[in-house]
Amino acid sequence: MDVSLTMWVLTIVGLCALIGADFFIGRKPHDVSIKEAGVWTVVWIVLAALFGLGLLIFGGGQPAGEFFAGFITEKSLSVDNLFVFVIIMAKFAVPSQYQQRVLLVGVLIALVLRAIFIAAGAAIITSFSWVFYIFGAFLIYTAWKLIQEARANDEDEEWEENKLLKAAEKRFGVADRYHGTKLWIQQNGKKVMTPMLVVMLAIGTTDVLFALDSIPAIFGLTQDPYIVFTANAFALMGLRQLYFLIGGLLRKLVHLSYGLSVILGFIGVKLVLHALHESGVHVPEISIPFSLGVICAVLVVTTITSLIASKKQEKAAAAEPPKTDSAETDAGKGDTVKVESGKAESTKDDIEA
């Protein structure tokens, strides 16, 4: 798809206008309700659908199909990011009324960094077609790693600050508490960062790690930088509302990692086949409509099986007998009753006496 410089500028200006409107409407710190999050989630999805429809009308079915496949893939991968965002919010003890501001700025930082990744990826692909082998192998490895992590079922997942964030904290210093939405304050005659700025940087820079698999994944669906960028932009800009909308449901998506691993593995195979085709090897190539169908089917099946499994786990937990206090159990058996606080012991015969 041939996109002029004017179209690039208009697209970026349009996205900036949408982001500005979003920021202006939610500029006052407040707790985001489910209704508000739901409305804005629908708004961003409708905007993405309208953009895809515009591509269909002015660019044809191929660009539109690539956009929708890329958008759905990026959106599904971004849901996995929310688990880490929840951990970061808890680690920095972000007050609930400030969380929307943190996510908005953090996502903006992530979008800028992803744009750099996309530009670099497009330049590499244009110069070296063999990079598809590397992208494909990396996605297949990431898919296998996701399965291993899902099987490990590590519920005590922790998040650690990256080196860049640690260096910034050491260089500028960090205030000991939040100061509203301020990012910098004067403390003991020195300008220091507030925890608000630190957590924003944490959200933005952590997303770069997720971009390492999501950017190659979308390049496996389209090599058009314009479509890659816009699909990422629409997927990320709706992430803040999605955080508040499904935050409580994240733990119910117990099979999400398996679904994402299937999607990444599928796109990895698609990339390898494409690389072989570019090298002159006669192999079948996977079409965009087929890719879109596979991605949607995997997400639907994953969601259904996750909800069924979560419901079974809840029923099993409810059916378990409540735990009884050890002291009461011992007393019922006629054994020695131990009073820990007084470090005293008395037998049943002593009590009867």
Protein backbone atom coordinates (compact mmCIF):
# COMPACT_ATOMS: atom_id res chain seq x y z
CA MET A 1 0.00 0.00 0.00
CA ASP A 2 1.50 3.30 -1.14
CA VAL A 3 1.02 5.88 1.62
CA SER A 4 2.04 9.47 0.96
CA LEU A 5 3.78 11.72 3.44
CA THR A 6 0.59 13.78 3.66
CA MET A 7 -1.40 10.72 4.71
CA TRP A 8 1.20 9.89 7.36
CA VAL A 9 1.00 13.42 8.75
CA LEU A 10 -2.81 13.44 8.74
CA THR A 11 -2.91 10.07 10.49
CA ILE A 12 -0.50 11.16 13.23
CA VAL A 13 -2.35 14.47 13.69
CA GLY A 14 -5.65 12.58 13.92
CA LEU A 15 -4.27 10.18 16.53
CA CYS A 16 -2.84 13.09 18.52
CA ALA A 17 -6.27 14.78 18.43
CA LEU A 18 -7.95 11.62 19.73
CA ILE A 19 -5.34 11.25 22.46
CA GLY A 20 -5.76 14.93 23.39
CA ALA A 21 -9.53 14.53 23.62
CA ASP A 22 -9.12 11.43 25.77
CA PHE A 23 -6.70 13.29 28.06
CA PHE A 24 -8.94 16.38 28.28
CA ILE A 25 -12.04 14.36 29.19
CA GLY A 26 -10.21 12.37 31.88
CA ARG A 27 -7.86 15.14 33.03
CA LYS A 28 -9.34 15.27 36.55
CA PRO A 29 -8.03 12.40 38.73
CA HIS A 30 -10.86 10.06 39.64
CA ASP A 31 -11.74 6.40 40.08
CA VAL A 32 -12.74 4.98 36.71
CA SER A 33 -16.10 3.21 36.81
CA ILE A 34 -16.94 0.07 34.85
CA LYS A 35 -19.44 2.09 32.81
CA GLU A 36 -16.87 4.73 31.84
CA ALA A 37 -14.27 2.11 30.96
CA GLY A 38 -16.82 0.16 28.93
CA VAL A 39 -17.94 3.22 26.95
CA TRP A 40 -14.38 4.23 26.06
CA THR A 41 -13.42 0.66 25.19
CA VAL A 42 -16.29 0.54 22.71
CA VAL A 43 -15.30 3.98 21.35
CA TRP A 44 -11.73 2.88 20.57
CA ILE A 45 -12.88 -0.39 19.00
CA VAL A 46 -15.42 1.50 16.83
CA LEU A 47 -12.71 3.97 15.78
CA ALA A 48 -10.42 1.08 14.83
CA ALA A 49 -13.25 -0.54 12.86
CA LEU A 50 -13.97 2.74 11.03
CA PHE A 51 -10.29 3.12 10.20
CA GLY A 52 -10.24 -0.43 8.83
CA LEU A 53 -13.37 0.32 6.82
CA GLY A 54 -11.62 3.38 5.38
CA LEU A 55 -8.70 1.19 4.33
CA LEU A 56 -11.18 -1.19 2.67
CA ILE A 57 -12.81 1.62 0.68
CA PHE A 58 -9.68 3.48 -0.37
CA GLY A 59 -7.02 0.76 -0.29
CA GLY A 60 -8.85 -2.48 -1.01
CA GLY A 61 -9.43 -5.75 0.79
CA GLN A 62 -5.77 -6.69 1.28
CA PRO A 63 -4.75 -3.66 3.43
CA ALA A 64 -8.01 -3.82 5.39
CA GLY A 65 -7.58 -7.53 6.10
CA GLU A 66 -3.98 -6.98 7.20
CA PHE A 67 -5.04 -4.14 9.51
CA PHE A 68 -7.80 -6.13 11.21
CA ALA A 69 -5.56 -9.19 11.61
CA GLY A 70 -2.79 -7.01 13.03
CA PHE A 71 -5.15 -5.08 15.31
CA ILE A 72 -6.73 -8.21 16.77
CA THR A 73 -3.31 -9.81 17.28
CA GLU A 74 -1.87 -6.73 18.98
CA LYS A 75 -5.01 -6.33 21.10
CA SER A 76 -4.87 -9.92 22.30
CA LEU A 77 -1.15 -9.65 23.08
CA SER A 78 -1.75 -6.37 24.93
CA VAL A 79 -4.24 -8.09 27.25
CA ASP A 80 -1.34 -10.19 28.49
CA ASN A 81 0.49 -6.92 29.26
CA LEU A 82 -2.25 -6.01 31.72
CA PHE A 83 -1.11 -8.73 34.12
CA VAL A 84 2.25 -6.98 34.44
CA PHE A 85 0.60 -3.54 34.67
CA VAL A 86 -1.45 -4.79 37.63
CA ILE A 87 1.76 -5.96 39.33
CA ILE A 88 3.50 -2.62 38.69
CA MET A 89 0.54 -0.66 40.06
CA ALA A 90 0.55 -2.78 43.20
CA LYS A 91 4.33 -2.55 43.63
CA PHE A 92 4.26 1.25 43.52
CA ALA A 93 1.01 1.43 45.52
CA VAL A 94 -0.55 3.81 42.99
CA PRO A 95 -3.71 5.45 44.41
CA SER A 96 -6.74 4.34 42.40
CA GLN A 97 -7.66 7.90 41.35
CA TYR A 98 -4.24 8.36 39.70
CA GLN A 99 -4.08 5.05 37.85
CA GLN A 100 -5.78 6.34 34.70
CA ARG A 101 -3.21 9.18 34.39
CA VAL A 102 -0.35 6.73 34.90
CA LEU A 103 -1.68 4.43 32.18
CA LEU A 104 -2.36 7.25 29.72
CA VAL A 105 1.18 8.67 29.90
CA GLY A 106 2.74 5.22 30.18
CA VAL A 107 0.95 4.04 27.05
CA LEU A 108 2.03 7.19 25.19
CA ILE A 109 5.66 6.45 26.07
CA ALA A 110 5.13 2.87 24.88
CA LEU A 111 3.62 4.08 21.59
CA VAL A 112 6.60 6.35 20.87
CA LEU A 113 9.07 3.55 21.62
CA ARG A 114 7.09 1.11 19.47
CA ALA A 115 7.13 3.59 16.59
CA ILE A 116 10.94 3.52 16.77
CA PHE A 117 10.87 -0.30 16.80
CA ILE A 118 8.51 -0.35 13.81
CA ALA A 119 10.71 2.05 11.80
CA ALA A 120 13.80 -0.03 12.58
CA GLY A 121 11.99 -3.28 11.75
CA ALA A 122 10.72 -1.91 8.42
CA ALA A 123 14.21 -0.74 7.48
CA ILE A 124 15.74 -4.12 8.34
CA ILE A 125 13.09 -6.06 6.40
CA THR A 126 13.56 -3.84 3.34
CA SER A 127 17.32 -4.42 3.34
CA PHE A 128 17.51 -8.03 4.53
CA SER A 129 14.72 -10.42 3.59
CA TRP A 130 16.39 -13.25 5.53
CA VAL A 131 15.40 -11.48 8.76
CA PHE A 132 12.02 -13.26 8.39
CA TYR A 133 13.79 -16.49 9.39
CA ILE A 134 14.96 -14.83 12.61
CA PHE A 135 11.54 -13.32 13.33
CA GLY A 136 9.82 -16.65 12.68
CA ALA A 137 12.23 -18.64 14.84
CA PHE A 138 11.94 -16.07 17.62
CA LEU A 139 8.13 -16.22 17.62
CA ILE A 140 8.14 -20.02 17.69
CA TYR A 141 10.59 -19.92 20.63
CA THR A 142 8.41 -17.33 22.41
CA ALA A 143 5.35 -19.55 21.87
CA TRP A 144 7.16 -22.51 23.45
CA LYS A 145 8.31 -20.31 26.34
CA LEU A 146 4.74 -19.12 26.96
CA ILE A 147 3.56 -22.72 27.18
CA GLN A 148 6.33 -23.55 29.66
CA GLU A 149 5.41 -20.56 31.82
CA ALA A 150 1.72 -21.46 31.68
CA ARG A 151 2.44 -25.05 32.72
CA ALA A 152 4.61 -23.80 35.61
CA ASN A 153 1.55 -21.83 36.81
CA ASP A 154 3.67 -19.33 38.77
CA GLU A 155 1.10 -17.24 40.60
CA ASP A 156 3.73 -15.36 42.60
CA GLU A 157 4.91 -13.45 39.55
CA GLU A 158 7.09 -10.50 40.43
CA TRP A 159 8.20 -7.47 38.49
CA GLU A 160 11.67 -6.00 38.70
CA GLU A 161 12.76 -2.55 37.61
CA ASN A 162 14.86 -2.46 34.47
CA LYS A 163 18.37 -0.98 34.46
CA LEU A 164 17.27 2.23 32.73
CA LEU A 165 14.69 2.92 35.43
CA LYS A 166 17.15 2.15 38.23
CA ALA A 167 19.69 4.50 36.66
CA ALA A 168 17.12 7.31 36.44
CA GLU A 169 16.12 6.85 40.09
CA LYS A 170 19.77 6.88 41.18
CA ARG A 171 20.56 9.95 39.09
CA PHE A 172 17.60 12.15 40.04
CA GLY A 173 16.29 10.63 43.27
CA VAL A 174 12.68 9.83 44.11
CA ALA A 175 10.31 11.48 46.57
CA ASP A 176 9.02 9.33 49.41
CA ARG A 177 5.34 9.87 48.58
CA TYR A 178 2.93 10.91 45.84
CA HIS A 179 2.31 14.62 45.30
CA GLY A 180 -0.91 14.53 43.33
CA THR A 181 -0.19 14.32 39.61
CA LYS A 182 3.10 16.23 39.87
CA LEU A 183 6.06 14.58 38.17
CA TRP A 184 8.86 16.65 39.76
CA ILE A 185 9.14 18.42 43.12
CA GLN A 186 11.75 20.37 45.06
CA GLN A 187 13.02 18.37 48.04
CA ASN A 188 15.86 19.63 50.25
CA GLY A 189 16.80 22.13 47.56
CA LYS A 190 17.05 19.43 44.90
CA LYS A 191 14.67 18.60 42.05
CA VAL A 192 13.59 14.96 42.37
CA MET A 193 11.16 12.66 40.59
CA THR A 194 7.87 11.71 42.20
CA PRO A 195 6.66 8.11 42.33
CA MET A 196 4.08 9.18 39.71
CA LEU A 197 6.81 9.78 37.11
CA VAL A 198 8.64 6.58 38.06
CA VAL A 199 5.59 4.36 37.59
CA MET A 200 4.79 6.07 34.27
CA LEU A 201 8.29 5.29 33.04
CA ALA A 202 7.93 1.74 34.39
CA ILE A 203 4.74 1.16 32.37
CA GLY A 204 6.19 2.67 29.21
CA THR A 205 9.60 0.98 29.26
CA THR A 206 8.23 -2.39 30.35
CA ASP A 207 6.02 -2.43 27.27
CA VAL A 208 9.21 -2.48 25.16
CA LEU A 209 9.78 -6.06 26.33
CA PHE A 210 6.35 -7.03 25.01
CA ALA A 211 7.11 -5.25 21.74
CA LEU A 212 9.94 -7.73 21.16
CA ASP A 213 7.37 -10.39 20.28
CA SER A 214 4.37 -8.29 19.18
CA ILE A 215 6.27 -6.28 16.53
CA PRO A 216 7.70 -9.38 14.78
CA ALA A 217 4.23 -10.95 15.07
CA ILE A 218 2.49 -8.17 13.18
CA PHE A 219 5.28 -8.03 10.59
CA GLY A 220 4.36 -11.65 9.99
CA LEU A 221 0.90 -10.47 8.93
CA THR A 222 1.90 -7.37 6.96
CA GLN A 223 5.11 -5.68 5.91
CA ASP A 224 3.42 -2.29 5.46
CA PRO A 225 4.83 0.10 8.12
CA TYR A 226 1.69 2.26 7.94
CA ILE A 227 -0.59 -0.65 8.81
CA VAL A 228 1.82 -1.93 11.47
CA PHE A 229 1.92 1.49 13.15
CA THR A 230 -1.82 2.20 13.02
CA ALA A 231 -2.73 -1.30 14.26
CA ASN A 232 -0.35 -0.84 17.21
CA ALA A 233 -1.66 2.66 17.90
CA PHE A 234 -5.33 1.64 18.05
CA ALA A 235 -4.52 -1.47 20.11
CA LEU A 236 -2.45 0.47 22.66
CA MET A 237 -4.72 3.50 22.98
CA GLY A 238 -7.63 1.35 24.07
CA LEU A 239 -5.47 -0.49 26.59
CA ARG A 240 -6.05 1.98 29.43
CA GLN A 241 -9.83 1.52 29.39
CA LEU A 242 -9.43 -2.23 28.99
CA TYR A 243 -7.32 -2.26 32.18
CA PHE A 244 -10.24 -0.94 34.24
CA LEU A 245 -12.89 -2.91 32.36
CA ILE A 246 -11.46 -6.41 32.66
CA GLY A 247 -9.02 -5.90 35.53
CA GLY A 248 -11.12 -8.14 37.74
CA LEU A 249 -11.57 -10.72 34.99
CA LEU A 250 -7.89 -11.16 34.15
CA ARG A 251 -7.46 -13.99 36.64
CA LYS A 252 -10.31 -15.85 34.95
CA LEU A 253 -8.44 -16.00 31.62
CA VAL A 254 -6.42 -18.98 32.81
CA HIS A 255 -5.77 -20.30 29.30
CA LEU A 256 -4.74 -16.96 27.78
CA SER A 257 -1.05 -17.88 27.63
CA TYR A 258 -1.88 -21.08 25.73
CA GLY A 259 -3.97 -19.13 23.23
CA LEU A 260 -1.27 -16.51 22.72
CA SER A 261 1.35 -19.23 22.29
CA VAL A 262 -0.76 -20.81 19.51
CA ILE A 263 -1.13 -17.43 17.78
CA LEU A 264 2.57 -16.59 18.03
CA GLY A 265 3.57 -20.08 16.90
CA PHE A 266 1.17 -19.88 13.95
CA ILE A 267 2.53 -16.48 12.86
CA GLY A 268 6.09 -17.78 13.35
CA VAL A 269 5.39 -20.64 10.94
CA LYS A 270 3.79 -18.16 8.53
CA LEU A 271 6.95 -16.03 8.63
CA VAL A 272 9.22 -19.01 7.97
CA LEU A 273 7.07 -20.07 5.00
CA HIS A 274 7.16 -16.51 3.68
CA ALA A 275 10.95 -16.42 4.04
CA LEU A 276 11.26 -19.72 2.17
CA HIS A 277 9.01 -18.40 -0.57
CA GLU A 278 11.15 -15.25 -0.86
CA SER A 279 14.22 -17.50 -1.17
CA GLY A 280 12.67 -19.25 -4.17
CA VAL A 281 11.46 -22.38 -2.41
CA HIS A 282 8.03 -23.52 -3.59
CA VAL A 283 6.04 -23.71 -0.35
CA PRO A 284 2.42 -22.76 0.37
CA GLU A 285 1.87 -19.30 1.83
CA ILE A 286 -0.78 -18.59 4.42
CA SER A 287 -3.29 -15.95 3.30
CA ILE A 288 -4.47 -13.02 5.42
CA PRO A 289 -8.14 -14.18 5.53
CA PHE A 290 -7.02 -17.59 6.78
CA SER A 291 -4.71 -15.95 9.35
CA LEU A 292 -7.53 -13.71 10.57
CA GLY A 293 -9.83 -16.71 10.92
CA VAL A 294 -7.26 -18.72 12.90
CA ILE A 295 -6.50 -15.80 15.25
CA CYS A 296 -10.19 -15.12 15.97
CA ALA A 297 -10.96 -18.83 16.44
CA VAL A 298 -8.09 -19.31 18.89
CA LEU A 299 -9.15 -16.29 20.97
CA VAL A 300 -12.79 -17.42 21.09
CA VAL A 301 -11.88 -20.99 22.09
CA THR A 302 -9.34 -19.73 24.67
CA THR A 303 -11.87 -17.39 26.26
CA ILE A 304 -14.58 -20.07 26.46
CA THR A 305 -12.28 -22.75 27.91
CA SER A 306 -10.81 -20.20 30.37
CA LEU A 307 -14.23 -19.23 31.71
CA ILE A 308 -15.28 -22.89 32.02
CA ALA A 309 -12.05 -23.79 33.85
CA SER A 310 -12.37 -20.77 36.17
CA LYS A 311 -15.95 -21.71 37.01
CA LYS A 312 -14.88 -25.26 37.88
CA GLN A 313 -12.07 -23.93 40.08
CA GLU A 314 -14.51 -21.67 41.93
CA LYS A 315 -16.93 -24.56 42.51
CA ALA A 316 -14.10 -26.78 43.74
CA ALA A 317 -12.93 -24.06 46.12
CA ALA A 318 -16.47 -23.54 47.44
CA ALA A 319 -16.92 -27.28 47.99
CA GLU A 320 -13.81 -27.56 50.17
CA PRO A 321 -14.63 -27.81 53.90
CA PRO A 322 -13.61 -24.74 55.91
CA LYS A 323 -10.39 -25.04 57.83
CA THR A 324 -10.83 -25.49 61.60
CA ASP A 325 -8.55 -24.07 64.22
CA SER A 326 -6.00 -26.59 65.44
CA ALA A 327 -6.76 -25.79 69.05
CA GLU A 328 -10.47 -26.48 68.58
CA THR A 329 -9.69 -29.75 66.78
CA ASP A 330 -7.39 -30.89 69.54
CA ALA A 331 -9.97 -30.02 72.16
CA GLY A 332 -12.61 -32.03 70.33
CA LYS A 333 -10.38 -35.06 70.30
CA GLY A 334 -9.74 -34.82 74.04
CA ASP A 335 -6.06 -34.19 73.49
CA THR A 336 -3.96 -31.51 75.10
CA VAL A 337 -5.23 -27.96 74.56
CA LYS A 338 -2.34 -25.53 74.01
CA VAL A 339 -2.79 -21.84 74.78
CA GLU A 340 -0.04 -20.21 72.73
CA SER A 341 -0.36 -16.74 74.21
CA GLY A 342 0.10 -17.92 77.75
CA LYS A 343 2.48 -20.75 76.90
CA ALA A 344 0.38 -22.88 79.27
CA GLU A 345 -0.98 -26.38 78.73
CA SER A 346 -3.90 -28.20 80.34
CA THR A 347 -5.30 -31.66 79.76
CA LYS A 348 -8.94 -32.69 79.54
CA ASP A 349 -8.76 -34.23 83.04
CA ASP A 350 -7.49 -30.93 84.50
CA ILE A 351 -10.34 -29.03 82.86
CA GLU A 352 -12.93 -31.48 84.25
CA ALA A 353 -11.40 -31.20 87.71
